[in-house]
Amino acid sequence: MNDLQAPPTGKDRIHKIISENADLFANKDSELGHTDAVGMQIDTQGHVPIKLRPYRTPINNRKIINEAIEEMLSANIVKKSRSPWSFPIVIADKKDGTKRFCVDFRELNQIVLIGDCRHRGNASLLLNEVVCVHKPFDPGK
């Protein structure tokens, strides 16, 4: 939150809202909830399965990968699978110096149409549409 770019009054208000609702935020994957109220299916449009080889992983990242996988398995975020689909794992450096576990789905993204793609690639436009449905956030109030 230290790199939050907002006017001082807005920053204070955002910090207050987050502090008052700290129980709604997850600090790690195992704290995330889930629902089975809505199902999800990826429409590959009949494409043959894509099975990509893993990227070479530096030895120092292997522990990060194993820990991330174990945490996601125990939190029921992922499950073991023998799917014909396979995509490589990437470990990305975050601004704060920690590492982020990522999966390179770029080839899958090329064959899948996900909903309305008007804003594909522009997260801020999409977030504005989702967050500011009723009225935009006014840091002065």
Protein backbone atom coordinates (compact mmCIF):
# COMPACT_ATOMS: atom_id res chain seq x y z
CA MET A 1 0.00 0.00 0.00
CA ASN A 2 3.02 2.28 0.32
CA ASP A 3 3.14 2.71 -3.45
CA LEU A 4 -0.54 3.67 -3.66
CA GLN A 5 -0.88 6.74 -5.85
CA ALA A 6 -3.77 8.82 -4.54
CA PRO A 7 -4.28 12.25 -2.98
CA PRO A 8 -3.48 12.23 0.78
CA THR A 9 -7.16 12.40 1.80
CA GLY A 10 -8.01 9.55 -0.54
CA LYS A 11 -5.05 7.51 0.67
CA ASP A 12 -6.14 7.91 4.30
CA ARG A 13 -9.69 6.87 3.42
CA ILE A 14 -8.51 3.82 1.50
CA HIS A 15 -6.22 2.75 4.38
CA LYS A 16 -9.12 3.17 6.82
CA ILE A 17 -11.51 1.10 4.69
CA ILE A 18 -8.96 -1.66 4.26
CA SER A 19 -8.09 -1.69 7.97
CA GLU A 20 -11.76 -1.86 8.99
CA ASN A 21 -12.32 -4.75 6.57
CA ALA A 22 -9.03 -6.62 7.02
CA ASP A 23 -10.92 -9.88 7.58
CA LEU A 24 -12.16 -9.72 3.97
CA PHE A 25 -8.65 -9.87 2.47
CA ALA A 26 -6.45 -12.91 2.03
CA ASN A 27 -2.76 -12.68 2.81
CA LYS A 28 -2.00 -16.00 1.15
CA ASP A 29 -3.72 -18.44 -1.20
CA SER A 30 -4.75 -20.81 1.59
CA GLU A 31 -6.97 -18.07 3.06
CA LEU A 32 -9.00 -17.71 -0.14
CA GLY A 33 -12.52 -19.04 -0.18
CA HIS A 34 -14.31 -20.68 -3.06
CA THR A 35 -17.80 -21.37 -4.30
CA ASP A 36 -19.49 -24.05 -6.30
CA ALA A 37 -22.53 -21.84 -6.94
CA VAL A 38 -21.18 -20.96 -10.38
CA GLY A 39 -19.51 -23.40 -12.72
CA MET A 40 -16.79 -22.49 -15.16
CA GLN A 41 -15.83 -24.05 -18.42
CA ILE A 42 -13.11 -22.98 -20.83
CA ASP A 43 -14.33 -23.15 -24.42
CA THR A 44 -11.35 -24.27 -26.48
CA GLN A 45 -13.54 -24.35 -29.58
CA GLY A 46 -12.64 -27.98 -30.31
CA HIS A 47 -8.91 -27.24 -30.48
CA VAL A 48 -6.57 -30.18 -29.99
CA PRO A 49 -4.96 -30.13 -26.53
CA ILE A 50 -1.90 -27.93 -26.17
CA LYS A 51 0.88 -29.65 -24.25
CA LEU A 52 3.89 -27.40 -23.75
CA ARG A 53 7.13 -28.50 -22.18
CA PRO A 54 8.15 -26.97 -18.85
CA TYR A 55 10.61 -24.10 -18.94
CA ARG A 56 13.98 -24.69 -17.36
CA THR A 57 13.79 -23.62 -13.76
CA PRO A 58 16.77 -22.31 -11.80
CA ILE A 59 17.50 -24.46 -8.75
CA ASN A 60 16.74 -21.57 -6.35
CA ASN A 61 13.18 -21.30 -7.79
CA ARG A 62 12.33 -25.00 -7.45
CA LYS A 63 11.63 -24.64 -3.73
CA ILE A 64 9.29 -21.69 -4.46
CA ILE A 65 7.44 -23.76 -7.06
CA ASN A 66 7.09 -26.81 -4.79
CA GLU A 67 5.87 -24.70 -1.86
CA ALA A 68 3.36 -22.82 -4.05
CA ILE A 69 1.98 -26.08 -5.46
CA GLU A 70 1.69 -27.67 -2.01
CA GLU A 71 -0.09 -24.58 -0.64
CA MET A 72 -2.55 -24.54 -3.56
CA LEU A 73 -3.20 -28.29 -3.22
CA SER A 74 -3.89 -28.03 0.53
CA ALA A 75 -6.17 -25.01 -0.03
CA ASN A 76 -8.09 -26.93 -2.75
CA ILE A 77 -7.25 -24.25 -5.31
CA VAL A 78 -5.76 -26.85 -7.66
CA LYS A 79 -5.93 -30.61 -7.83
CA LYS A 80 -3.69 -33.29 -9.29
CA SER A 81 -4.54 -34.05 -12.87
CA ARG A 82 -3.52 -36.12 -15.88
CA SER A 83 -4.89 -33.63 -18.39
CA PRO A 84 -3.62 -33.65 -21.96
CA TRP A 85 -3.31 -29.87 -21.58
CA SER A 86 -0.06 -28.56 -20.10
CA PHE A 87 1.44 -25.08 -19.73
CA PRO A 88 4.79 -24.02 -18.28
CA ILE A 89 5.30 -22.40 -14.90
CA VAL A 90 7.08 -19.07 -14.63
CA ILE A 91 8.45 -17.45 -11.47
CA ALA A 92 8.20 -13.67 -11.74
CA ASP A 93 9.93 -11.13 -9.54
CA LYS A 94 7.58 -8.75 -7.71
CA LYS A 95 8.42 -5.13 -6.95
CA ASP A 96 8.86 -5.92 -3.26
CA GLY A 97 11.52 -8.54 -4.03
CA THR A 98 9.32 -11.59 -3.44
CA LYS A 99 8.46 -14.11 -6.13
CA ARG A 100 5.13 -14.79 -7.86
CA PHE A 101 4.10 -18.22 -9.16
CA CYS A 102 2.59 -17.86 -12.64
CA VAL A 103 1.44 -20.15 -15.43
CA ASP A 104 2.15 -19.10 -19.01
CA PHE A 105 -1.30 -19.41 -20.62
CA ARG A 106 -0.48 -17.25 -23.65
CA GLU A 107 -1.04 -20.08 -26.15
CA LEU A 108 -4.34 -21.01 -24.51
CA ASN A 109 -5.42 -17.36 -24.64
CA GLN A 110 -4.93 -17.42 -28.42
CA ILE A 111 -7.65 -20.05 -28.91
CA VAL A 112 -10.13 -19.11 -26.18
CA LEU A 113 -12.71 -16.36 -26.38
CA ILE A 114 -13.45 -15.17 -22.87
CA GLY A 115 -16.72 -13.25 -22.63
CA ASP A 116 -16.73 -9.73 -24.00
CA CYS A 117 -13.15 -8.92 -24.97
CA ARG A 118 -13.67 -5.19 -25.67
CA HIS A 119 -11.15 -4.27 -23.00
CA ARG A 120 -8.76 -7.18 -23.42
CA GLY A 121 -5.32 -6.06 -22.39
CA ASN A 122 -6.53 -2.90 -20.66
CA ALA A 123 -7.18 -3.83 -17.04
CA SER A 124 -7.85 -0.27 -15.87
CA LEU A 125 -10.76 0.12 -18.32
CA LEU A 126 -12.21 -3.20 -17.22
CA LEU A 127 -11.81 -2.34 -13.52
CA ASN A 128 -13.49 1.02 -14.06
CA GLU A 129 -16.45 -0.76 -15.61
CA VAL A 130 -16.69 -3.25 -12.75
CA VAL A 131 -15.91 -0.97 -9.79
CA CYS A 132 -17.57 2.25 -10.91
CA VAL A 133 -20.91 0.87 -11.97
CA HIS A 134 -22.88 3.12 -9.63
CA LYS A 135 -20.59 6.07 -9.09
CA PRO A 136 -16.85 6.67 -9.17
CA PHE A 137 -14.80 6.78 -5.98
CA ASP A 138 -14.40 10.38 -4.80
CA PRO A 139 -11.44 10.70 -2.44
CA GLY A 140 -12.73 14.07 -1.22
CA LYS A 141 -15.79 12.56 0.48
